[in-house]
Amino acid sequence: MKSINCRGRLIEFEQTKIMGILNYTPDSFSDGGLFNTPSKALSQIELMLQEGADLIDIGAMSSKPKSTFLSSKEEKERLKPLLSEILKNFPNHIFSLDTFRSEIAEWAVENYNISIINDISAGELDSKMFQIIGKLQVPYIMMHMQGTPINMQDQPQYNNITQDIIQYFANKINELKQYSVHDIIIDPGFGFGKTLEHNYQLLKELEQFEILDKLLLIGVSKKSMIQNVLNSNSENSLNGTSIINTIAVEKGANILRVHNVKEAKEIIKIYSMITK
């Protein structure tokens, strides 16, 4: 059974875990601005925990297509009041921070209640990230992204998307070993530098990632790969999200990163009934 060590607390993955998304931003594609004050964010965290979230992932900066990055100073200033309140109000829960900056990762882990770092760039946007993760000894989520949010959807190309990404992760895992990083979670990066066809080929072949022997995180919640097939929008993409998440669980997903915790938790409960 796979497990990760979160500040001395062993988290075992006997079944798929649910990671609730907290977009602490004014411009997220799905819920931008809804939770961008500490009080609103704390209420949403409380709700997600009540609904059964095992982990909460906090992001202070949008990474939707064509988005531009905050400065490091702006990211830290946006996060600081929220992380202070989380440390005070939720000392016993596990929080992940969505950042590609090693400086922010180090600051958040050492000063606040952050147990996991979630890096959309797998170290590509900050050459010091792997070294810092090795120093911090926290679980590390690394996502595959072709390009950056500004250009990632400009005609992405692969030889064979699944095999290309598996090889990419194999190289990254070997590099992380040099820094004694052991708790590694891989995220294929649905929607990040992939066409609609790429996304569904990845989903179809998801079980191939088992060869890497690492925890697998899937984040498809309300993304355009659902909206474009259903001719829908973010608000009306929950059913499509649940369908893909169910397929992902069946194909070996260890973590579902979602906006709607209750519905995702119901997937796990029902799926567990046929896999006892």
C-alpha atoms as a PDB file:
ATOM      1  CA  MET A   1       0.000   0.000   0.000  1.00  0.00           C
ATOM      2  CA  LYS A   2       1.368   3.408  -0.985  1.00  0.00           C
ATOM      3  CA  SER A   3       1.726   6.109   1.675  1.00  0.00           C
ATOM      4  CA  ILE A   4       3.176   9.574   2.266  1.00  0.00           C
ATOM      5  CA  ASN A   5       4.671  11.156   5.372  1.00  0.00           C
ATOM      6  CA  CYS A   6       3.053  14.509   6.199  1.00  0.00           C
ATOM      7  CA  ARG A   7       4.991  16.082   9.075  1.00  0.00           C
ATOM      8  CA  GLY A   8       5.354  12.721  10.804  1.00  0.00           C
ATOM      9  CA  ARG A   9       1.797  11.673  10.049  1.00  0.00           C
ATOM     10  CA  LEU A  10       1.582   8.645   7.771  1.00  0.00           C
ATOM     11  CA  ILE A  11      -1.209   8.882   5.195  1.00  0.00           C
ATOM     12  CA  GLU A  12      -2.032   5.518   3.645  1.00  0.00           C
ATOM     13  CA  PHE A  13      -3.874   5.181   0.346  1.00  0.00           C
ATOM     14  CA  GLU A  14      -5.960   2.089   0.867  1.00  0.00           C
ATOM     15  CA  GLN A  15      -8.574   3.927  -1.207  1.00  0.00           C
ATOM     16  CA  THR A  16      -8.655   7.093  -3.291  1.00  0.00           C
ATOM     17  CA  LYS A  17      -8.339  10.346  -1.319  1.00  0.00           C
ATOM     18  CA  ILE A  18     -10.224  13.550  -2.075  1.00  0.00           C
ATOM     19  CA  MET A  19      -8.310  16.831  -2.338  1.00  0.00           C
ATOM     20  CA  GLY A  20     -10.558  19.880  -2.119  1.00  0.00           C
ATOM     21  CA  ILE A  21      -9.538  22.922  -4.156  1.00  0.00           C
ATOM     22  CA  LEU A  22      -9.420  26.363  -2.559  1.00  0.00           C
ATOM     23  CA  ASN A  23      -8.830  28.995  -5.229  1.00  0.00           C
ATOM     24  CA  TYR A  24      -7.720  31.993  -3.200  1.00  0.00           C
ATOM     25  CA  THR A  25      -7.737  34.143  -6.319  1.00  0.00           C
ATOM     26  CA  PRO A  26      -9.921  36.729  -8.060  1.00  0.00           C
ATOM     27  CA  ASP A  27      -9.543  35.081 -11.484  1.00  0.00           C
ATOM     28  CA  SER A  28      -9.844  31.298 -11.300  1.00  0.00           C
ATOM     29  CA  PHE A  29     -11.623  29.740 -14.292  1.00  0.00           C
ATOM     30  CA  SER A  30     -14.147  27.984 -12.051  1.00  0.00           C
ATOM     31  CA  ASP A  31     -14.811  30.046  -8.946  1.00  0.00           C
ATOM     32  CA  GLY A  32     -12.654  33.136  -9.157  1.00  0.00           C
ATOM     33  CA  GLY A  33     -13.430  35.667  -6.472  1.00  0.00           C
ATOM     34  CA  LEU A  34     -15.787  33.483  -4.440  1.00  0.00           C
ATOM     35  CA  PHE A  35     -13.276  32.721  -1.703  1.00  0.00           C
ATOM     36  CA  ASN A  36     -10.710  35.508  -1.945  1.00  0.00           C
ATOM     37  CA  THR A  37     -10.990  36.817   1.625  1.00  0.00           C
ATOM     38  CA  PRO A  38      -9.796  34.913   4.701  1.00  0.00           C
ATOM     39  CA  SER A  39     -13.308  34.644   6.156  1.00  0.00           C
ATOM     40  CA  LYS A  40     -14.827  33.296   2.924  1.00  0.00           C
ATOM     41  CA  ALA A  41     -11.907  30.928   2.460  1.00  0.00           C
ATOM     42  CA  LEU A  42     -12.141  29.576   6.008  1.00  0.00           C
ATOM     43  CA  SER A  43     -15.868  28.922   5.549  1.00  0.00           C
ATOM     44  CA  GLN A  44     -15.173  27.009   2.341  1.00  0.00           C
ATOM     45  CA  ILE A  45     -12.421  24.973   4.017  1.00  0.00           C
ATOM     46  CA  GLU A  46     -14.816  24.100   6.840  1.00  0.00           C
ATOM     47  CA  LEU A  47     -17.451  23.014   4.325  1.00  0.00           C
ATOM     48  CA  MET A  48     -15.029  20.848   2.339  1.00  0.00           C
ATOM     49  CA  LEU A  49     -13.779  19.154   5.492  1.00  0.00           C
ATOM     50  CA  GLN A  50     -17.355  18.486   6.617  1.00  0.00           C
ATOM     51  CA  GLU A  51     -18.064  16.943   3.218  1.00  0.00           C
ATOM     52  CA  GLY A  52     -15.143  14.578   3.623  1.00  0.00           C
ATOM     53  CA  ALA A  53     -12.071  16.182   2.066  1.00  0.00           C
ATOM     54  CA  ASP A  54      -8.911  14.336   3.073  1.00  0.00           C
ATOM     55  CA  LEU A  55      -6.628  17.147   1.883  1.00  0.00           C
ATOM     56  CA  ILE A  56      -7.082  20.816   0.969  1.00  0.00           C
ATOM     57  CA  ASP A  57      -5.040  22.415  -1.823  1.00  0.00           C
ATOM     58  CA  ILE A  58      -4.600  26.196  -1.629  1.00  0.00           C
ATOM     59  CA  GLY A  59      -3.653  28.301  -4.629  1.00  0.00           C
ATOM     60  CA  ALA A  60      -3.104  32.049  -4.660  1.00  0.00           C
ATOM     61  CA  MET A  61      -2.493  32.373  -8.383  1.00  0.00           C
ATOM     62  CA  SER A  62      -4.524  31.266 -11.396  1.00  0.00           C
ATOM     63  CA  SER A  63      -2.872  28.946 -13.918  1.00  0.00           C
ATOM     64  CA  LYS A  64      -5.687  28.892 -16.474  1.00  0.00           C
ATOM     65  CA  PRO A  65      -4.703  29.301 -20.161  1.00  0.00           C
ATOM     66  CA  LYS A  66      -3.282  32.743 -21.020  1.00  0.00           C
ATOM     67  CA  SER A  67      -2.998  33.706 -17.343  1.00  0.00           C
ATOM     68  CA  THR A  68      -0.018  35.724 -16.174  1.00  0.00           C
ATOM     69  CA  PHE A  69       1.836  35.173 -12.921  1.00  0.00           C
ATOM     70  CA  LEU A  70       1.858  37.258  -9.793  1.00  0.00           C
ATOM     71  CA  SER A  71       5.256  38.339  -8.535  1.00  0.00           C
ATOM     72  CA  SER A  72       6.734  36.349  -5.661  1.00  0.00           C
ATOM     73  CA  LYS A  73       6.042  39.294  -3.354  1.00  0.00           C
ATOM     74  CA  GLU A  74       2.392  39.497  -4.460  1.00  0.00           C
ATOM     75  CA  GLU A  75       1.906  35.744  -4.034  1.00  0.00           C
ATOM     76  CA  LYS A  76       3.315  35.851  -0.507  1.00  0.00           C
ATOM     77  CA  GLU A  77       1.274  38.924   0.472  1.00  0.00           C
ATOM     78  CA  ARG A  78      -1.915  37.300  -0.795  1.00  0.00           C
ATOM     79  CA  LEU A  79      -1.236  34.055   1.062  1.00  0.00           C
ATOM     80  CA  LYS A  80       0.012  35.358   4.399  1.00  0.00           C
ATOM     81  CA  PRO A  81      -3.299  36.380   6.061  1.00  0.00           C
ATOM     82  CA  LEU A  82      -4.998  33.168   4.942  1.00  0.00           C
ATOM     83  CA  LEU A  83      -2.183  30.846   6.021  1.00  0.00           C
ATOM     84  CA  SER A  84      -2.080  32.567   9.414  1.00  0.00           C
ATOM     85  CA  GLU A  85      -5.782  31.860   9.906  1.00  0.00           C
ATOM     86  CA  ILE A  86      -5.443  28.257   8.707  1.00  0.00           C
ATOM     87  CA  LEU A  87      -2.630  27.639  11.180  1.00  0.00           C
ATOM     88  CA  LYS A  88      -4.848  29.011  13.942  1.00  0.00           C
ATOM     89  CA  ASN A  89      -8.124  27.322  12.970  1.00  0.00           C
ATOM     90  CA  PHE A  90      -7.116  24.008  11.360  1.00  0.00           C
ATOM     91  CA  PRO A  91      -3.906  22.824  13.052  1.00  0.00           C
ATOM     92  CA  ASN A  92      -4.693  19.118  12.625  1.00  0.00           C
ATOM     93  CA  HIS A  93      -5.649  18.998   8.965  1.00  0.00           C
ATOM     94  CA  ILE A  94      -3.439  18.440   5.941  1.00  0.00           C
ATOM     95  CA  PHE A  95      -2.948  21.333   3.563  1.00  0.00           C
ATOM     96  CA  SER A  96      -1.164  21.471   0.236  1.00  0.00           C
ATOM     97  CA  LEU A  97       0.123  24.664  -1.351  1.00  0.00           C
ATOM     98  CA  ASP A  98      -0.123  25.143  -5.115  1.00  0.00           C
ATOM     99  CA  THR A  99       3.035  27.075  -6.019  1.00  0.00           C
ATOM    100  CA  PHE A 100       5.912  26.694  -8.452  1.00  0.00           C
ATOM    101  CA  ARG A 101       8.260  28.921  -6.445  1.00  0.00           C
ATOM    102  CA  SER A 102      10.781  27.303  -4.085  1.00  0.00           C
ATOM    103  CA  GLU A 103      10.948  30.502  -2.026  1.00  0.00           C
ATOM    104  CA  ILE A 104       7.191  30.412  -1.364  1.00  0.00           C
ATOM    105  CA  ALA A 105       7.266  26.666  -0.708  1.00  0.00           C
ATOM    106  CA  GLU A 106      10.016  26.996   1.886  1.00  0.00           C
ATOM    107  CA  TRP A 107       8.350  29.968   3.595  1.00  0.00           C
ATOM    108  CA  ALA A 108       4.945  28.268   3.784  1.00  0.00           C
ATOM    109  CA  VAL A 109       6.214  24.918   5.073  1.00  0.00           C
ATOM    110  CA  GLU A 110       8.511  26.431   7.684  1.00  0.00           C
ATOM    111  CA  ASN A 111       6.069  29.047   8.991  1.00  0.00           C
ATOM    112  CA  TYR A 112       2.564  27.716   8.415  1.00  0.00           C
ATOM    113  CA  ASN A 113       0.510  24.541   8.417  1.00  0.00           C
ATOM    114  CA  ILE A 114       1.569  23.368   4.935  1.00  0.00           C
ATOM    115  CA  SER A 115       2.419  19.679   4.554  1.00  0.00           C
ATOM    116  CA  ILE A 116       2.553  19.160   0.762  1.00  0.00           C
ATOM    117  CA  ILE A 117       3.827  21.230  -2.164  1.00  0.00           C
ATOM    118  CA  ASN A 118       1.906  21.077  -5.444  1.00  0.00           C
ATOM    119  CA  ASP A 119       4.024  22.345  -8.358  1.00  0.00           C
ATOM    120  CA  ILE A 120       2.337  22.740 -11.759  1.00  0.00           C
ATOM    121  CA  SER A 121       5.747  23.010 -13.434  1.00  0.00           C
ATOM    122  CA  ALA A 122       7.553  19.983 -11.907  1.00  0.00           C
ATOM    123  CA  GLY A 123      10.536  22.213 -11.202  1.00  0.00           C
ATOM    124  CA  GLU A 124      10.676  23.692 -14.710  1.00  0.00           C
ATOM    125  CA  LEU A 125       9.858  27.241 -13.561  1.00  0.00           C
ATOM    126  CA  ASP A 126      12.215  27.269 -10.562  1.00  0.00           C
ATOM    127  CA  SER A 127      15.505  25.389 -10.754  1.00  0.00           C
ATOM    128  CA  LYS A 128      15.820  25.393  -6.954  1.00  0.00           C
ATOM    129  CA  MET A 129      12.508  23.631  -6.293  1.00  0.00           C
ATOM    130  CA  PHE A 130      13.844  20.047  -6.141  1.00  0.00           C
ATOM    131  CA  GLN A 131      16.661  21.062  -3.816  1.00  0.00           C
ATOM    132  CA  ILE A 132      14.236  22.857  -1.492  1.00  0.00           C
ATOM    133  CA  ILE A 133      11.793  19.926  -1.444  1.00  0.00           C
ATOM    134  CA  GLY A 134      14.699  17.674  -0.493  1.00  0.00           C
ATOM    135  CA  LYS A 135      15.577  20.041   2.332  1.00  0.00           C
ATOM    136  CA  LEU A 136      11.981  20.335   3.558  1.00  0.00           C
ATOM    137  CA  GLN A 137      11.250  16.589   3.209  1.00  0.00           C
ATOM    138  CA  VAL A 138       7.583  17.120   2.392  1.00  0.00           C
ATOM    139  CA  PRO A 139       5.512  15.206  -0.178  1.00  0.00           C
ATOM    140  CA  TYR A 140       5.800  16.753  -3.632  1.00  0.00           C
ATOM    141  CA  ILE A 141       3.135  16.812  -6.315  1.00  0.00           C
ATOM    142  CA  MET A 142       4.638  17.407  -9.742  1.00  0.00           C
ATOM    143  CA  MET A 143       2.441  18.067 -12.728  1.00  0.00           C
ATOM    144  CA  HIS A 144       3.235  17.757 -16.410  1.00  0.00           C
ATOM    145  CA  MET A 145       2.733  20.924 -18.420  1.00  0.00           C
ATOM    146  CA  GLN A 146       3.950  21.574 -21.955  1.00  0.00           C
ATOM    147  CA  GLY A 147       5.026  25.218 -21.991  1.00  0.00           C
ATOM    148  CA  THR A 148       3.585  27.768 -19.562  1.00  0.00           C
ATOM    149  CA  PRO A 149      -0.006  28.927 -18.952  1.00  0.00           C
ATOM    150  CA  ILE A 150       0.561  31.780 -21.402  1.00  0.00           C
ATOM    151  CA  ASN A 151       1.439  29.513 -24.351  1.00  0.00           C
ATOM    152  CA  MET A 152       0.571  25.947 -23.307  1.00  0.00           C
ATOM    153  CA  GLN A 153      -2.479  25.665 -25.574  1.00  0.00           C
ATOM    154  CA  ASP A 154      -0.683  26.969 -28.672  1.00  0.00           C
ATOM    155  CA  GLN A 155      -0.725  23.771 -30.767  1.00  0.00           C
ATOM    156  CA  PRO A 156       0.753  21.288 -28.243  1.00  0.00           C
ATOM    157  CA  GLN A 157       2.335  18.247 -29.909  1.00  0.00           C
ATOM    158  CA  TYR A 158       3.522  14.808 -28.773  1.00  0.00           C
ATOM    159  CA  ASN A 159       4.839  11.645 -30.377  1.00  0.00           C
ATOM    160  CA  ASN A 160       2.694   9.516 -28.066  1.00  0.00           C
ATOM    161  CA  ILE A 161       1.265  11.591 -25.261  1.00  0.00           C
ATOM    162  CA  THR A 162       1.016   8.870 -22.618  1.00  0.00           C
ATOM    163  CA  GLN A 163       4.463   7.433 -23.251  1.00  0.00           C
ATOM    164  CA  ASP A 164       6.015  10.895 -23.580  1.00  0.00           C
ATOM    165  CA  ILE A 165       4.638  11.960 -20.190  1.00  0.00           C
ATOM    166  CA  ILE A 166       5.616   8.682 -18.506  1.00  0.00           C
ATOM    167  CA  GLN A 167       9.186   9.180 -19.755  1.00  0.00           C
ATOM    168  CA  TYR A 168       9.093  12.803 -18.579  1.00  0.00           C
ATOM    169  CA  PHE A 169       8.104  11.695 -15.083  1.00  0.00           C
ATOM    170  CA  ALA A 170      10.675   8.873 -15.035  1.00  0.00           C
ATOM    171  CA  ASN A 171      13.401  11.452 -15.690  1.00  0.00           C
ATOM    172  CA  LYS A 172      12.027  13.786 -13.020  1.00  0.00           C
ATOM    173  CA  ILE A 173      11.797  10.972 -10.452  1.00  0.00           C
ATOM    174  CA  ASN A 174      15.444  10.081 -11.060  1.00  0.00           C
ATOM    175  CA  GLU A 175      16.395  13.734 -10.612  1.00  0.00           C
ATOM    176  CA  LEU A 176      14.415  13.986  -7.368  1.00  0.00           C
ATOM    177  CA  LYS A 177      16.207  10.915  -5.998  1.00  0.00           C
ATOM    178  CA  GLN A 178      19.428  12.936  -6.077  1.00  0.00           C
ATOM    179  CA  TYR A 179      17.837  15.234  -3.478  1.00  0.00           C
ATOM    180  CA  SER A 180      16.477  12.340  -1.372  1.00  0.00           C
ATOM    181  CA  VAL A 181      12.857  13.140  -2.246  1.00  0.00           C
ATOM    182  CA  HIS A 182      10.812   9.977  -1.726  1.00  0.00           C
ATOM    183  CA  ASP A 183       7.177  11.032  -1.329  1.00  0.00           C
ATOM    184  CA  ILE A 184       6.363  11.883  -4.936  1.00  0.00           C
ATOM    185  CA  ILE A 185       2.874  12.294  -6.414  1.00  0.00           C
ATOM    186  CA  ILE A 186       2.477  12.589 -10.180  1.00  0.00           C
ATOM    187  CA  ASP A 187      -0.206  14.603 -11.985  1.00  0.00           C
ATOM    188  CA  PRO A 188      -0.489  14.112 -15.783  1.00  0.00           C
ATOM    189  CA  GLY A 189      -1.774  17.678 -16.081  1.00  0.00           C
ATOM    190  CA  PHE A 190      -5.087  17.372 -17.884  1.00  0.00           C
ATOM    191  CA  GLY A 191      -5.659  20.577 -19.836  1.00  0.00           C
ATOM    192  CA  PHE A 192      -2.105  21.871 -19.452  1.00  0.00           C
ATOM    193  CA  GLY A 193      -0.532  21.828 -22.903  1.00  0.00           C
ATOM    194  CA  LYS A 194      -2.928  19.206 -24.295  1.00  0.00           C
ATOM    195  CA  THR A 195      -5.577  19.195 -26.988  1.00  0.00           C
ATOM    196  CA  LEU A 196      -9.010  17.705 -26.372  1.00  0.00           C
ATOM    197  CA  GLU A 197      -7.866  14.484 -28.064  1.00  0.00           C
ATOM    198  CA  HIS A 198      -4.680  14.385 -25.957  1.00  0.00           C
ATOM    199  CA  ASN A 199      -6.715  14.650 -22.755  1.00  0.00           C
ATOM    200  CA  TYR A 200      -8.980  11.751 -23.629  1.00  0.00           C
ATOM    201  CA  GLN A 201      -6.128   9.569 -24.833  1.00  0.00           C
ATOM    202  CA  LEU A 202      -4.456  10.158 -21.462  1.00  0.00           C
ATOM    203  CA  LEU A 203      -7.650   9.187 -19.661  1.00  0.00           C
ATOM    204  CA  LYS A 204      -8.044   6.071 -21.804  1.00  0.00           C
ATOM    205  CA  GLU A 205      -4.461   4.961 -21.059  1.00  0.00           C
ATOM    206  CA  LEU A 206      -4.273   6.147 -17.452  1.00  0.00           C
ATOM    207  CA  GLU A 207      -3.450   2.717 -16.012  1.00  0.00           C
ATOM    208  CA  GLN A 208      -0.102   2.825 -17.849  1.00  0.00           C
ATOM    209  CA  PHE A 209       1.175   5.268 -15.212  1.00  0.00           C
ATOM    210  CA  GLU A 210       1.304   2.358 -12.751  1.00  0.00           C
ATOM    211  CA  ILE A 211       4.741   1.530 -14.168  1.00  0.00           C
ATOM    212  CA  LEU A 212       6.152   4.549 -12.299  1.00  0.00           C
ATOM    213  CA  ASP A 213       5.012   3.128  -8.937  1.00  0.00           C
ATOM    214  CA  LYS A 214       4.055   6.554  -7.606  1.00  0.00           C
ATOM    215  CA  LEU A 215       0.813   8.001  -6.275  1.00  0.00           C
ATOM    216  CA  LEU A 216      -1.337   9.362  -9.102  1.00  0.00           C
ATOM    217  CA  LEU A 217      -3.315  12.600  -8.760  1.00  0.00           C
ATOM    218  CA  ILE A 218      -6.046  13.472 -11.246  1.00  0.00           C
ATOM    219  CA  GLY A 219      -7.386  17.002 -11.641  1.00  0.00           C
ATOM    220  CA  VAL A 220     -10.133  17.370 -14.237  1.00  0.00           C
ATOM    221  CA  SER A 221     -12.714  19.254 -12.193  1.00  0.00           C
ATOM    222  CA  LYS A 222     -14.912  21.420 -14.485  1.00  0.00           C
ATOM    223  CA  LYS A 223     -12.157  21.751 -17.090  1.00  0.00           C
ATOM    224  CA  SER A 224     -12.660  22.622 -20.752  1.00  0.00           C
ATOM    225  CA  MET A 225     -12.114  18.969 -21.759  1.00  0.00           C
ATOM    226  CA  ILE A 226     -15.546  18.400 -20.209  1.00  0.00           C
ATOM    227  CA  GLN A 227     -17.170  21.670 -21.267  1.00  0.00           C
ATOM    228  CA  ASN A 228     -16.159  21.272 -24.915  1.00  0.00           C
ATOM    229  CA  VAL A 229     -17.564  17.756 -25.225  1.00  0.00           C
ATOM    230  CA  LEU A 230     -20.841  18.589 -23.475  1.00  0.00           C
ATOM    231  CA  ASN A 231     -21.227  22.066 -25.000  1.00  0.00           C
ATOM    232  CA  SER A 232     -21.477  23.326 -21.446  1.00  0.00           C
ATOM    233  CA  ASN A 233     -19.750  25.718 -19.064  1.00  0.00           C
ATOM    234  CA  SER A 234     -17.901  25.443 -15.755  1.00  0.00           C
ATOM    235  CA  GLU A 235     -21.063  25.807 -13.713  1.00  0.00           C
ATOM    236  CA  ASN A 236     -22.758  22.901 -15.501  1.00  0.00           C
ATOM    237  CA  SER A 237     -19.804  20.508 -15.679  1.00  0.00           C
ATOM    238  CA  LEU A 238     -20.241  18.636 -12.397  1.00  0.00           C
ATOM    239  CA  ASN A 239     -21.833  15.546 -13.939  1.00  0.00           C
ATOM    240  CA  GLY A 240     -19.078  15.283 -16.562  1.00  0.00           C
ATOM    241  CA  THR A 241     -16.470  15.768 -13.843  1.00  0.00           C
ATOM    242  CA  SER A 242     -17.981  12.916 -11.815  1.00  0.00           C
ATOM    243  CA  ILE A 243     -17.986  10.607 -14.845  1.00  0.00           C
ATOM    244  CA  ILE A 244     -14.310  11.211 -15.580  1.00  0.00           C
ATOM    245  CA  ASN A 245     -13.378  10.941 -11.904  1.00  0.00           C
ATOM    246  CA  THR A 246     -15.126   7.569 -11.708  1.00  0.00           C
ATOM    247  CA  ILE A 247     -13.154   6.328 -14.721  1.00  0.00           C
ATOM    248  CA  ALA A 248      -9.944   7.681 -13.166  1.00  0.00           C
ATOM    249  CA  VAL A 249     -10.582   5.848  -9.885  1.00  0.00           C
ATOM    250  CA  GLU A 250     -11.176   2.615 -11.782  1.00  0.00           C
ATOM    251  CA  LYS A 251      -7.895   3.164 -13.643  1.00  0.00           C
ATOM    252  CA  GLY A 252      -5.835   3.689 -10.489  1.00  0.00           C
ATOM    253  CA  ALA A 253      -6.126   7.329  -9.385  1.00  0.00           C
ATOM    254  CA  ASN A 254      -4.997   7.755  -5.773  1.00  0.00           C
ATOM    255  CA  ILE A 255      -6.099  11.383  -5.355  1.00  0.00           C
ATOM    256  CA  LEU A 256      -8.946  13.304  -6.992  1.00  0.00           C
ATOM    257  CA  ARG A 257      -8.431  17.074  -6.937  1.00  0.00           C
ATOM    258  CA  VAL A 258     -11.924  18.588  -7.027  1.00  0.00           C
ATOM    259  CA  HIS A 259     -14.065  21.652  -6.440  1.00  0.00           C
ATOM    260  CA  ASN A 260     -17.099  19.584  -5.348  1.00  0.00           C
ATOM    261  CA  VAL A 261     -16.006  17.384  -2.464  1.00  0.00           C
ATOM    262  CA  LYS A 262     -19.374  15.831  -1.588  1.00  0.00           C
ATOM    263  CA  GLU A 263     -19.951  14.401  -5.057  1.00  0.00           C
ATOM    264  CA  ALA A 264     -16.375  13.114  -5.322  1.00  0.00           C
ATOM    265  CA  LYS A 265     -16.645  11.450  -1.935  1.00  0.00           C
ATOM    266  CA  GLU A 266     -19.817   9.703  -3.117  1.00  0.00           C
ATOM    267  CA  ILE A 267     -17.864   8.235  -6.045  1.00  0.00           C
ATOM    268  CA  ILE A 268     -15.400   6.676  -3.606  1.00  0.00           C
ATOM    269  CA  LYS A 269     -18.139   5.329  -1.344  1.00  0.00           C
ATOM    270  CA  ILE A 270     -20.009   3.662  -4.196  1.00  0.00           C
ATOM    271  CA  TYR A 271     -16.872   2.376  -5.913  1.00  0.00           C
ATOM    272  CA  SER A 272     -15.675   0.835  -2.643  1.00  0.00           C
ATOM    273  CA  MET A 273     -18.879  -1.221  -2.491  1.00  0.00           C
ATOM    274  CA  ILE A 274     -17.863  -3.179  -5.588  1.00  0.00           C
ATOM    275  CA  THR A 275     -14.196  -3.541  -4.694  1.00  0.00           C
ATOM    276  CA  LYS A 276     -14.402  -4.816  -1.126  1.00  0.00           C
END
